[in-house]
Protein backbone atom coordinates (compact mmCIF):
# COMPACT_ATOMS: atom_id res chain seq x y z
CA THR A 1 13.98 67.11 9.60
CA ARG A 2 12.39 65.08 6.85
CA ILE A 3 12.12 67.81 4.41
CA LEU A 4 15.98 68.53 5.27
CA ALA A 5 16.49 64.79 4.61
CA MET A 6 14.47 65.07 1.19
CA VAL A 7 16.25 68.36 0.08
CA TYR A 8 19.88 67.34 0.78
CA ALA A 9 19.86 63.74 0.56
CA ILE A 10 18.17 63.03 -2.56
CA MET A 11 17.22 66.18 -4.48
CA TRP A 12 20.37 68.09 -3.92
CA ASP A 13 22.47 65.43 -6.24
CA TRP A 14 20.26 66.52 -9.38
CA ASN A 15 21.97 69.88 -10.01
CA GLN A 16 24.64 70.31 -7.15
CA PRO A 17 27.97 68.23 -6.08
CA MET A 18 27.33 65.42 -3.40
CA ARG A 19 30.13 67.00 -1.32
CA LEU A 20 28.04 70.02 -0.77
CA ALA A 21 25.40 68.45 0.99
CA LEU A 22 27.49 67.20 3.59
CA LYS A 23 27.48 70.39 5.91
CA PRO A 24 23.77 70.86 5.39
CA LEU A 25 23.14 67.14 6.31
CA GLU A 26 25.37 67.50 9.25
CA LYS A 27 23.27 70.36 10.60
CA ALA A 28 19.80 68.76 9.79
CA ILE A 29 21.31 65.62 11.95
CA ARG A 30 21.90 68.09 14.92
CA LEU A 31 18.31 69.19 14.62
CA GLY A 32 17.02 65.77 14.38
CA TYR A 33 18.88 65.02 17.56
CA GLY A 34 16.39 67.22 19.55
CA SER A 35 13.22 65.42 18.26
CA GLY A 36 14.77 61.99 17.91
CA ASP A 37 14.35 61.79 14.13
CA PHE A 38 17.98 61.49 12.87
CA ASP A 39 18.08 57.83 11.82
CA LEU A 40 17.21 58.46 8.15
CA LEU A 41 19.47 61.82 7.94
CA GLY A 42 22.31 59.54 9.39
CA CYS A 43 22.16 56.77 6.90
CA GLN A 44 21.63 59.41 3.92
CA TYR A 45 24.75 61.16 5.48
CA CYS A 46 26.75 58.06 5.55
CA ILE A 47 25.62 57.21 1.80
CA LYS A 48 27.03 60.45 0.82
CA LEU A 49 30.40 60.01 2.48
CA PHE A 50 30.65 56.60 1.00
CA TYR A 51 30.80 58.28 -2.30
CA VAL A 52 32.80 61.25 -1.57
CA ALA A 53 34.99 60.53 1.39
CA PRO A 54 37.65 57.96 2.36
CA LEU A 55 36.53 54.67 3.75
CA GLU A 56 37.98 55.71 7.19
CA GLN A 57 36.03 58.76 7.80
CA LEU A 58 32.87 57.04 6.75
CA ALA A 59 33.81 54.22 9.19
CA SER A 60 34.80 56.74 12.05
CA GLU A 61 31.72 59.07 11.45
CA GLY A 62 29.15 56.35 10.81
CA LYS A 63 30.02 54.45 13.72
CA ALA A 64 29.66 57.53 16.19
CA LEU A 65 26.14 58.18 14.36
CA PHE A 66 24.90 54.61 14.97
CA ASP A 67 26.23 54.57 18.70
CA LYS A 68 24.01 57.50 19.05
CA MET A 69 20.92 55.88 17.63
CA ARG A 70 21.37 52.87 19.89
CA PHE A 71 22.09 55.38 22.95
CA HIS A 72 18.71 56.94 22.00
CA ASN A 73 17.09 53.47 21.34
CA ASN A 74 16.46 54.79 17.69
CA ILE A 75 16.91 51.30 15.93
CA THR A 76 14.62 51.53 12.71
CA LEU A 77 15.15 50.71 9.19
CA GLY A 78 17.53 53.75 8.69
CA SER A 79 19.70 52.30 11.53
CA GLN A 80 19.64 48.92 10.04
CA TYR A 81 20.66 50.48 6.47
CA LEU A 82 23.33 52.24 7.95
CA GLN A 83 24.92 48.95 9.61
CA ILE A 84 24.78 47.85 6.06
CA ILE A 85 26.81 50.72 4.97
CA LEU A 86 29.53 50.50 7.82
CA GLN A 87 29.92 46.61 7.39
CA LEU A 88 30.35 47.15 3.43
CA SER A 89 32.83 50.01 4.30
CA ASP A 90 34.68 47.40 6.80
CA ASN A 91 34.60 44.82 4.03
CA PHE A 92 35.81 47.12 1.33
CA MET A 93 38.82 47.80 3.93
CA GLY A 94 39.69 44.28 4.49
CA LEU A 95 38.50 44.18 8.10
CA SER A 96 36.43 41.08 7.66
CA ALA A 97 36.88 37.30 7.00
CA ASP A 98 34.73 37.16 3.83
CA PRO A 99 34.51 40.28 1.79
CA THR A 100 31.57 38.90 0.18
CA VAL A 101 29.45 38.55 3.13
CA LEU A 102 28.24 41.21 5.24
CA THR A 103 29.27 39.69 8.54
CA GLY A 104 31.82 41.20 10.88
CA ASN A 105 32.37 43.79 13.59
CA VAL A 106 29.26 45.75 12.73
CA MET A 107 26.49 43.20 11.93
CA ASN A 108 25.79 39.77 11.02
CA GLU A 109 24.14 39.14 7.90
CA ASP A 110 22.23 36.07 8.61
CA ALA A 111 20.92 37.68 11.97
CA VAL A 112 19.60 40.78 10.13
CA ILE A 113 18.05 38.69 7.23
CA GLN A 114 16.27 37.01 9.82
CA GLU A 115 15.11 40.20 11.60
CA ALA A 116 14.04 41.78 8.27
CA VAL A 117 11.82 38.54 7.48
CA LYS A 118 10.20 38.56 10.98
CA ALA A 119 9.74 42.08 10.86
CA LYS A 120 8.14 42.10 7.29
CA HIS A 121 10.87 44.92 6.27
CA VAL A 122 10.66 43.74 2.41
CA ARG A 123 13.08 46.21 1.22
CA LEU A 124 15.80 45.35 3.78
CA GLU A 125 15.42 42.06 2.72
CA ILE A 126 15.78 42.81 -1.09
CA VAL A 127 18.95 44.79 -0.42
CA LEU A 128 20.78 42.31 1.82
CA CYS A 129 19.75 39.23 -0.74
CA ILE A 130 20.86 40.95 -3.94
């Protein structure tokens, strides 16, 4: 599944429309369910949705993926990025008190930053602090 993630999440966009990568990524996610390796794929799929689909679709499909990650106890860096994407989409849809802060129904920005610092996830810290 990691090879599929590289091809459809990253390299595909070099010469193909982003929207055409969604179906292969969905298939790769289903394959990843069997091995438990679908967090990166789920995150990449939602990033693509962010660019090519309505925010409501992103929120619905992203929440379903995140719930599946939690159910399988697959909370990793990929799922934390997915939380950021989902909260961002909520903010854009006007579903949070302050659209400039990633705190709302999906996540609490301060808590995620503290977790990232504690776990030494430097990339996540940078993303949240920008």
